[in-house]
Structures are given as C-alpha cells and as structure tokens.
Amino acid sequence: MAIQTLDLRKMHKKNINIYEACLLISARARQINSVRLEEKKENEILNDMDMYDEADVYDRELMEDMKFEKEINPTVIAQEEFFSSKIRAFYPEKEDETKGA
C-alpha cells in the first residue's frame, strides 16, 4: 500500500498541530522500521546457522524478496494508528504543572 495524501480536515478534528502530528507519525514509523530491521537481522543470523546447499540459497533469497514486497510501509501503519487514536502525543511538562498545582 502506497502512502496517500491526507486531508487536513482530519488533523483539525484531532485538535493537534499539524507539525506535531507529522513528528508523531514519523517517530512511530521509525520505531516500526527499527523493529522490522531487528527481526530481519535475527532471521539472517538463524539462517546463517543452518546448513544448506547452493540451490536452497537461491530459493531462500527469492522467498525473502517476495516477503519484503508484501510488507506495508511503516508510515502507512503509523498514519492508521494515529487516526485510530492508538498513538497520541505525550507532554510530560504539562502533567508536572498540573500535579504541582
């Protein structure tokens, strides 16, 4: 799924600054991407431990490429999470002020 343009009216419904929303979505997308990279590194280490012949290497690389193509873009996932209110902005300094009052 490709990244789609967003209607700015959706942002106004959320009552959040557009720039903060972009930062929040991009931070979540980076987090999703880093988790995926860690999983791929783990799988590569496990695959390297296996003993296999040359024909099997070609098949594995082909299967991994096909799997990579089917993954959804992390930015799309982060956008969906943002608009479904699964992620939100957290302002620690505002909470500290309310606790002190």
C-alpha atoms as a PDB file:
ATOM      1  CA  MET A   1       0.000   0.000   0.000  1.00  0.00           C
ATOM      2  CA  ALA A   2       1.443   3.337  -1.020  1.00  0.00           C
ATOM      3  CA  ILE A   3       1.441   6.424   1.135  1.00  0.00           C
ATOM      4  CA  GLN A   4      -1.638   8.514   0.491  1.00  0.00           C
ATOM      5  CA  THR A   5      -2.144  12.237   0.856  1.00  0.00           C
ATOM      6  CA  LEU A   6      -4.087  13.292   3.918  1.00  0.00           C
ATOM      7  CA  ASP A   7      -6.995  15.655   4.186  1.00  0.00           C
ATOM      8  CA  LEU A   8      -6.018  18.456   6.570  1.00  0.00           C
ATOM      9  CA  ARG A   9      -9.550  18.493   7.969  1.00  0.00           C
ATOM     10  CA  LYS A  10      -8.780  15.146   9.599  1.00  0.00           C
ATOM     11  CA  MET A  11      -5.962  16.829  11.502  1.00  0.00           C
ATOM     12  CA  HIS A  12      -8.258  19.614  12.689  1.00  0.00           C
ATOM     13  CA  LYS A  13     -10.721  17.033  14.016  1.00  0.00           C
ATOM     14  CA  LYS A  14      -7.910  15.608  16.156  1.00  0.00           C
ATOM     15  CA  ASN A  15      -7.200  19.075  17.650  1.00  0.00           C
ATOM     16  CA  ILE A  16      -3.460  18.688  17.223  1.00  0.00           C
ATOM     17  CA  ASN A  17      -0.884  20.830  15.497  1.00  0.00           C
ATOM     18  CA  ILE A  18      -0.103  19.500  12.010  1.00  0.00           C
ATOM     19  CA  TYR A  19       3.641  19.633  12.643  1.00  0.00           C
ATOM     20  CA  GLU A  20       3.317  17.736  15.916  1.00  0.00           C
ATOM     21  CA  ALA A  21       1.186  15.116  14.179  1.00  0.00           C
ATOM     22  CA  CYS A  22       3.821  14.706  11.450  1.00  0.00           C
ATOM     23  CA  LEU A  23       6.544  14.310  14.065  1.00  0.00           C
ATOM     24  CA  LEU A  24       4.469  11.795  15.976  1.00  0.00           C
ATOM     25  CA  ILE A  25       3.697   9.740  12.857  1.00  0.00           C
ATOM     26  CA  SER A  26       7.317   9.815  11.682  1.00  0.00           C
ATOM     27  CA  ALA A  27       8.618   8.770  15.108  1.00  0.00           C
ATOM     28  CA  ARG A  28       6.221   5.823  15.184  1.00  0.00           C
ATOM     29  CA  ALA A  29       7.174   4.866  11.606  1.00  0.00           C
ATOM     30  CA  ARG A  30      10.868   4.865  12.578  1.00  0.00           C
ATOM     31  CA  GLN A  31      10.041   2.674  15.573  1.00  0.00           C
ATOM     32  CA  ILE A  32       8.151   0.177  13.382  1.00  0.00           C
ATOM     33  CA  ASN A  33      11.010   0.149  10.870  1.00  0.00           C
ATOM     34  CA  SER A  34      13.654  -0.471  13.543  1.00  0.00           C
ATOM     35  CA  VAL A  35      11.668  -3.424  14.922  1.00  0.00           C
ATOM     36  CA  ARG A  36      11.443  -4.877  11.403  1.00  0.00           C
ATOM     37  CA  LEU A  37      15.183  -4.458  10.882  1.00  0.00           C
ATOM     38  CA  GLU A  38      15.935  -6.225  14.177  1.00  0.00           C
ATOM     39  CA  GLU A  39      13.669  -9.121  13.181  1.00  0.00           C
ATOM     40  CA  LYS A  40      15.381  -9.402   9.789  1.00  0.00           C
ATOM     41  CA  LYS A  41      18.823  -9.413  11.408  1.00  0.00           C
ATOM     42  CA  GLU A  42      17.667 -12.133  13.785  1.00  0.00           C
ATOM     43  CA  ASN A  43      16.347 -14.202  10.880  1.00  0.00           C
ATOM     44  CA  GLU A  44      19.603 -13.740   8.943  1.00  0.00           C
ATOM     45  CA  ILE A  45      21.610 -14.998  11.921  1.00  0.00           C
ATOM     46  CA  LEU A  46      19.343 -18.022  12.254  1.00  0.00           C
ATOM     47  CA  ASN A  47      19.508 -18.693   8.514  1.00  0.00           C
ATOM     48  CA  ASP A  48      23.301 -18.496   8.550  1.00  0.00           C
ATOM     49  CA  MET A  49      23.416 -21.190  11.232  1.00  0.00           C
ATOM     50  CA  ASP A  50      21.551 -23.661   9.012  1.00  0.00           C
ATOM     51  CA  MET A  51      23.457 -25.931   6.670  1.00  0.00           C
ATOM     52  CA  TYR A  52      22.097 -25.840   3.124  1.00  0.00           C
ATOM     53  CA  ASP A  53      23.238 -26.288  -0.463  1.00  0.00           C
ATOM     54  CA  GLU A  54      23.558 -23.665  -3.214  1.00  0.00           C
ATOM     55  CA  ALA A  55      20.160 -24.357  -4.793  1.00  0.00           C
ATOM     56  CA  ASP A  56      18.494 -23.762  -1.447  1.00  0.00           C
ATOM     57  CA  VAL A  57      20.267 -20.387  -1.122  1.00  0.00           C
ATOM     58  CA  TYR A  58      18.692 -19.146  -4.352  1.00  0.00           C
ATOM     59  CA  ASP A  59      15.214 -20.278  -3.225  1.00  0.00           C
ATOM     60  CA  ARG A  60      15.558 -18.612   0.173  1.00  0.00           C
ATOM     61  CA  GLU A  61      16.678 -15.300  -1.315  1.00  0.00           C
ATOM     62  CA  LEU A  62      13.756 -15.369  -3.734  1.00  0.00           C
ATOM     63  CA  MET A  63      11.274 -16.044  -0.922  1.00  0.00           C
ATOM     64  CA  GLU A  64      12.731 -13.272   1.246  1.00  0.00           C
ATOM     65  CA  ASP A  65      12.439 -10.792  -1.631  1.00  0.00           C
ATOM     66  CA  MET A  66       8.802 -11.740  -2.159  1.00  0.00           C
ATOM     67  CA  LYS A  67       8.096 -11.303   1.561  1.00  0.00           C
ATOM     68  CA  PHE A  68       9.727  -7.877   1.527  1.00  0.00           C
ATOM     69  CA  GLU A  69       7.487  -6.689  -1.301  1.00  0.00           C
ATOM     70  CA  LYS A  70       4.339  -7.619   0.620  1.00  0.00           C
ATOM     71  CA  GLU A  71       5.198  -5.580   3.723  1.00  0.00           C
ATOM     72  CA  ILE A  72       3.150  -2.464   4.346  1.00  0.00           C
ATOM     73  CA  ASN A  73       5.063   0.801   4.511  1.00  0.00           C
ATOM     74  CA  PRO A  74       5.745   1.775   8.163  1.00  0.00           C
ATOM     75  CA  THR A  75       4.486   5.308   7.507  1.00  0.00           C
ATOM     76  CA  VAL A  76       1.112   3.970   6.373  1.00  0.00           C
ATOM     77  CA  ILE A  77       0.846   1.869   9.521  1.00  0.00           C
ATOM     78  CA  ALA A  78       1.777   4.858  11.694  1.00  0.00           C
ATOM     79  CA  GLN A  79      -0.824   7.052   9.959  1.00  0.00           C
ATOM     80  CA  GLU A  80      -3.532   4.457  10.550  1.00  0.00           C
ATOM     81  CA  GLU A  81      -2.533   4.159  14.202  1.00  0.00           C
ATOM     82  CA  PHE A  82      -2.617   7.930  14.611  1.00  0.00           C
ATOM     83  CA  PHE A  83      -6.065   8.384  13.085  1.00  0.00           C
ATOM     84  CA  SER A  84      -7.491   5.426  15.015  1.00  0.00           C
ATOM     85  CA  SER A  85      -6.120   7.002  18.243  1.00  0.00           C
ATOM     86  CA  LYS A  86      -3.733   4.135  19.015  1.00  0.00           C
ATOM     87  CA  ILE A  87      -0.880   6.622  19.392  1.00  0.00           C
ATOM     88  CA  ARG A  88      -1.030  10.103  20.849  1.00  0.00           C
ATOM     89  CA  ALA A  89       1.219  12.949  21.879  1.00  0.00           C
ATOM     90  CA  PHE A  90       2.541  12.957  25.444  1.00  0.00           C
ATOM     91  CA  TYR A  91       3.601  16.202  27.110  1.00  0.00           C
ATOM     92  CA  PRO A  92       5.420  15.481  30.399  1.00  0.00           C
ATOM     93  CA  GLU A  93       5.916  19.145  31.344  1.00  0.00           C
ATOM     94  CA  LYS A  94       2.155  19.804  31.240  1.00  0.00           C
ATOM     95  CA  GLU A  95       1.472  16.913  33.611  1.00  0.00           C
ATOM     96  CA  ASP A  96       4.155  18.137  36.027  1.00  0.00           C
ATOM     97  CA  GLU A  97       2.461  21.557  36.170  1.00  0.00           C
ATOM     98  CA  THR A  98      -0.941  20.037  36.969  1.00  0.00           C
ATOM     99  CA  LYS A  99       0.489  17.825  39.726  1.00  0.00           C
ATOM    100  CA  GLY A 100       2.245  20.758  41.360  1.00  0.00           C
ATOM    101  CA  ALA A 101      -0.914  22.899  41.495  1.00  0.00           C
END
